Protein backbone atom coordinates (compact mmCIF):
# COMPACT_ATOMS: atom_id res chain seq x y z
CA MET A 1 126.04 74.30 101.48
CA ASN A 2 125.70 75.79 98.00
CA GLY A 3 125.59 72.87 95.53
CA PHE A 4 125.59 70.27 98.33
CA PHE A 5 122.47 68.58 96.93
CA ASP A 6 123.10 69.56 93.31
CA ILE A 7 123.69 66.14 91.76
CA PRO A 8 125.63 66.12 88.45
CA SER A 9 123.54 65.19 85.42
CA ASP A 10 125.89 62.36 84.38
CA LEU A 11 124.61 60.27 87.32
CA ASP A 12 121.10 60.42 85.88
CA ASN A 13 119.56 60.44 89.35
CA THR A 14 118.44 62.68 92.17
CA TYR A 15 119.80 62.86 95.72
CA PHE A 16 116.97 60.75 97.12
CA GLY A 17 117.18 58.46 94.12
CA LEU A 18 120.82 57.75 94.99
CA ILE A 19 119.79 57.02 98.58
CA GLY A 20 117.19 54.50 97.40
CA LEU A 21 119.69 52.91 95.02
CA HIS A 22 122.31 52.72 97.78
CA LEU A 23 119.91 51.01 100.18
CA ARG A 24 118.82 48.54 97.52
CA GLU A 25 122.38 47.59 96.60
CA ALA A 26 123.32 47.28 100.28
CA LEU A 27 120.33 45.57 101.89
CA LEU A 28 119.33 43.03 99.23
CA PRO A 29 122.72 41.27 99.46
CA VAL A 30 122.40 41.13 103.25
CA LEU A 31 118.96 39.55 102.89
CA ALA A 32 120.35 37.02 100.40
CA GLY A 33 123.25 36.30 102.75
CA LEU A 34 120.87 35.75 105.65
CA LEU A 35 118.69 33.33 103.67
CA ALA A 36 121.77 31.36 102.65
CA ALA A 37 123.34 31.49 106.13
CA LEU A 38 120.34 29.97 107.95
CA PRO A 39 120.53 26.47 106.39
CA VAL A 40 124.34 26.51 106.30
CA ALA A 41 124.49 27.40 110.00
CA GLN A 42 121.97 24.68 110.84
CA LEU A 43 124.12 22.11 109.05
CA CYS A 44 127.15 23.33 111.01
CA VAL A 45 125.22 22.98 114.27
CA ARG A 46 123.93 19.52 113.41
CA PHE A 47 127.28 18.26 112.08
CA ARG A 48 129.94 19.89 114.25
CA TRP A 49 132.79 18.57 112.09
CA LEU A 50 131.46 20.69 109.22
CA TYR A 51 131.83 24.04 110.99
CA PRO A 52 135.67 24.41 110.92
CA PRO A 53 136.02 23.90 107.13
CA VAL A 54 133.02 26.12 106.41
CA LEU A 55 134.43 28.83 108.66
CA GLY A 56 137.82 28.50 106.98
CA VAL A 57 136.40 28.79 103.45
CA THR A 58 134.19 31.76 104.31
CA THR A 59 137.09 33.53 106.02
CA VAL A 60 139.19 33.15 102.86
CA PHE A 61 136.35 34.66 100.79
CA TYR A 62 136.07 37.58 103.20
CA ALA A 63 139.79 38.29 102.83
CA ILE A 64 139.50 38.73 99.05
CA PRO A 65 139.25 42.45 98.15
CA SER A 66 135.92 43.39 96.59
CA LEU A 67 137.66 45.06 93.63
CA ALA A 68 139.33 41.75 92.72
CA VAL A 69 135.94 40.03 92.80
CA PHE A 70 134.50 42.77 90.55
CA VAL A 71 137.21 42.11 87.96
CA VAL A 72 136.30 38.41 87.86
CA LEU A 73 132.54 38.99 87.75
CA ILE A 74 132.53 41.68 85.06
CA ASP A 75 133.10 39.05 82.36
CA TYR A 76 129.88 37.30 83.43
CA THR A 77 127.57 39.98 84.84
CA GLY A 78 128.94 43.11 83.16
CA GLN A 79 129.05 46.56 84.71
CA THR A 80 125.75 46.12 86.52
CA GLU A 81 124.36 46.24 90.06
CA LEU A 82 124.61 42.46 90.21
CA THR A 83 128.40 42.69 90.00
CA VAL A 84 128.37 44.80 93.17
CA MET A 85 125.71 42.82 95.02
CA ILE A 86 127.18 39.31 94.63
CA PRO A 87 130.36 40.03 96.66
CA LEU A 88 128.31 41.87 99.28
CA ALA A 89 126.04 38.83 99.65
CA VAL A 90 129.10 36.60 100.13
CA TYR A 91 130.56 38.97 102.73
CA SER A 92 127.23 39.00 104.59
CA LEU A 93 127.14 35.21 104.54
CA VAL A 94 130.63 35.11 106.07
CA VAL A 95 129.55 37.38 108.93
CA LEU A 96 126.18 35.75 109.58
CA VAL A 97 127.13 32.06 109.62
CA PRO A 98 129.28 32.31 112.81
CA ALA A 99 126.70 34.59 114.44
CA ILE A 100 123.85 32.14 113.82
CA VAL A 101 125.92 29.11 114.83
CA ASP A 102 126.96 30.75 118.11
CA GLY A 103 123.39 31.87 118.79
CA VAL A 104 121.86 28.45 118.15
CA ARG A 105 124.54 26.69 120.19
CA SER A 106 123.77 28.99 123.12
CA VAL A 107 120.34 27.41 123.54
CA PRO A 108 120.40 25.38 126.80
CA ASP A 109 120.22 21.60 126.51
CA GLU A 110 117.31 21.60 128.95
CA THR A 111 115.30 23.77 126.54
CA LEU A 112 116.03 21.46 123.62
CA ALA A 113 115.13 18.40 125.70
CA ALA A 114 111.85 20.00 126.77
CA SER A 115 110.90 20.87 123.18
CA THR A 116 111.74 17.34 122.05
CA ALA A 117 109.58 15.93 124.85
CA MET A 118 106.72 18.12 123.61
CA GLY A 119 106.95 16.46 120.21
CA PHE A 120 108.89 19.11 118.29
CA GLY A 121 110.70 17.68 115.27
CA PRO A 122 114.13 18.99 114.15
CA VAL A 123 112.72 21.59 111.74
CA ARG A 124 110.03 22.84 114.11
CA ARG A 125 112.50 22.93 117.01
CA TYR A 126 114.95 24.95 114.90
CA LEU A 127 112.33 27.47 113.73
CA GLN A 128 110.29 27.84 116.92
CA VAL A 129 112.84 27.29 119.68
CA GLN A 130 116.45 27.71 118.58
CA LEU A 131 116.12 30.66 116.20
CA PRO A 132 113.96 32.81 118.54
CA ILE A 133 116.45 32.31 121.38
CA ALA A 134 119.32 33.06 118.98
CA VAL A 135 117.72 36.34 117.79
CA PRO A 136 120.11 38.60 119.79
CA ALA A 137 123.18 36.92 118.28
CA ILE A 138 121.67 36.91 114.79
CA LEU A 139 120.78 40.58 114.93
CA ALA A 140 124.24 41.41 116.24
CA GLY A 141 125.64 39.77 113.12
CA LEU A 142 123.10 41.59 110.97
CA ARG A 143 124.19 44.93 112.41
CA VAL A 144 127.77 44.23 111.37
CA ALA A 145 126.74 42.94 107.93
CA VAL A 146 124.44 45.89 107.18
CA SER A 147 126.98 48.52 108.24
CA ALA A 148 129.72 46.86 106.18
CA SER A 149 127.47 46.47 103.15
CA ILE A 150 126.36 50.11 103.22
CA SER A 151 129.97 51.26 103.26
CA LEU A 152 131.19 48.81 100.59
CA VAL A 153 128.55 49.76 98.03
CA SER A 154 130.57 52.89 97.28
CA VAL A 155 133.34 50.74 95.76
CA GLY A 156 130.96 50.07 92.89
CA ALA A 157 131.75 53.56 91.60
CA LEU A 158 134.87 52.02 90.07
CA ILE A 159 132.86 49.85 87.65
CA GLY A 160 130.63 52.14 85.65
CA ASN A 161 128.83 54.34 88.19
CA GLN A 162 127.37 51.41 90.14
CA GLY A 163 128.33 52.81 93.55
CA ALA A 164 125.12 54.79 94.26
CA LEU A 165 126.22 57.48 96.74
CA GLY A 166 129.81 56.43 96.09
CA ASN A 167 129.46 57.86 92.58
CA LEU A 168 129.54 61.30 94.17
CA LEU A 169 133.13 60.63 95.25
CA ALA A 170 134.20 60.11 91.65
CA ASP A 171 132.30 63.18 90.48
CA ALA A 172 133.80 65.28 93.27
CA GLN A 173 137.22 64.64 91.79
CA LYS A 174 136.03 64.85 88.20
CA TYR A 175 134.35 68.25 88.54
CA GLY A 176 136.44 69.66 91.35
CA ARG A 177 133.48 69.81 93.75
CA PRO A 178 134.57 68.65 97.22
CA GLU A 179 131.07 69.22 98.60
CA LEU A 180 129.94 66.14 96.66
CA ALA A 181 132.48 64.01 98.54
CA VAL A 182 131.27 65.44 101.86
CA ASN A 183 127.69 64.69 100.81
CA SER A 184 128.58 61.09 99.98
CA VAL A 185 130.43 60.42 103.23
CA LEU A 186 127.88 62.09 105.51
CA THR A 187 124.84 60.53 103.84
CA THR A 188 126.40 57.06 103.88
CA ALA A 189 127.22 57.42 107.58
CA VAL A 190 123.69 58.59 108.39
CA LEU A 191 122.18 55.66 106.48
CA ALA A 192 124.36 53.21 108.41
CA ILE A 193 123.34 54.78 111.74
CA LEU A 194 119.63 54.77 110.86
CA CYS A 195 119.70 51.14 109.68
CA ASP A 196 121.53 50.14 112.85
CA ALA A 197 118.90 51.93 114.95
CA VAL A 198 116.14 50.04 113.11
CA LEU A 199 117.85 46.72 113.85
CA VAL A 200 118.20 47.63 117.53
CA LEU A 201 114.49 48.48 117.63
CA LEU A 202 113.69 45.18 115.91
CA ARG A 203 115.77 43.32 118.49
CA ASN A 204 113.88 45.02 121.31
CA LEU A 205 110.55 44.05 119.74
CA LEU A 206 111.56 40.43 119.13
CA THR A 207 113.23 39.89 122.51
CA PRO A 208 110.97 41.48 125.16
CA TRP A 209 112.53 39.24 127.82
CA MET A 210 115.94 40.90 127.53
CA PRO A 211 116.91 43.75 129.92
CA ARG A 212 116.64 47.25 128.48
CA GLY A 213 118.93 50.18 129.14
CA ARG A 214 121.32 50.67 132.01
CA SER A 215 118.77 49.76 134.65
CA GLY A 216 117.76 46.52 132.97
CA GLY A 217 120.34 44.41 134.77
CA ARG A 218 120.24 46.13 138.13
CA ARG A 219 119.16 44.25 141.17
CA PRO A 220 116.43 45.76 143.35
CA LYS A 221 117.75 47.73 146.27
CA LYS A 222 117.44 46.20 149.70
CA ALA A 223 114.88 47.71 151.98
CA ALA A 224 116.25 50.26 154.41
CA ALA A 225 116.91 48.97 157.93
CA LEU A 226 114.13 49.64 160.42
CA PRO A 227 114.80 52.01 163.31
CA GLU A 228 115.48 50.25 166.61
CA SER A 229 112.09 51.26 168.05
CA GLN A 230 110.21 49.82 165.04
CA GLU A 231 112.42 46.74 165.05
CA ALA A 232 111.61 46.12 168.71
CA GLY A 233 107.91 46.55 168.02
CA ALA A 234 108.13 44.16 165.12
CA ARG A 235 109.70 41.58 167.38
C-alpha cells in the first residue's frame, strides 16, 4: 500500500480532489441527459410515430466511440472538462429516453382516464401521474447511465489530463507505478457501487408501494388445518 494514495504532482490535485472531480464530470452529464430526455420521451409517448426515428438516431450516437467525439469537439471546446461531459450527456440521453418512454407507457389506461376525469391537463397528468408511476423504470435507466458515465470519464485522460481518476492510469505507465492503476480501478468501481446504492435507496423512498426484498412478493401462508376434534367442534 506504500504510495497507493501518493498522487503525482503533475495532476495538481489530491486523492479526494480527484474523486470530487470524477463525480462532477460523471454526474453532471447524467443530470443534463435526464433533463433533455424528459421532454423528448414525452413527445415520443404523445406522437408514437416519432419514437422509432428518435430511437434510431440515439442508437447511432451511442455507437460512436467517445474518443472520436473528443477529436471533433476539441476544435470547439478545447482540452477541457466540457469536451468530456458533452459525449457523456449524449450517452445518458440515449439510455434514458427508452427507459422513460417504457415507464410512461406502462401506466394503465384506467389510471390515465381517472386523472383526466379529475380535471388533470396533459402537463399535470404527466408530472403528477405518469412520471411517479414510471419512477422504477426511470431509475433503472439512471442506474445504467450513472455506472456507464463513471467508467467513461477515465477516457478523458487521453485529452490533457481531463479523466479525473483515469489520469492515474496514464501516470501509472508514465512513472512505472502500477499501484496508481490499481487505485484508479478500485476507486472508480467503489464510486459506481456507492452511486448505484444511493439510486436504489432513492427508488425505495420514492416508491413505497413496491415490494421490498425477497419476502416482498410472497403470498401469506395458509392457516394450518385444524385437528379433527377442533374441526368437529367448529362445525
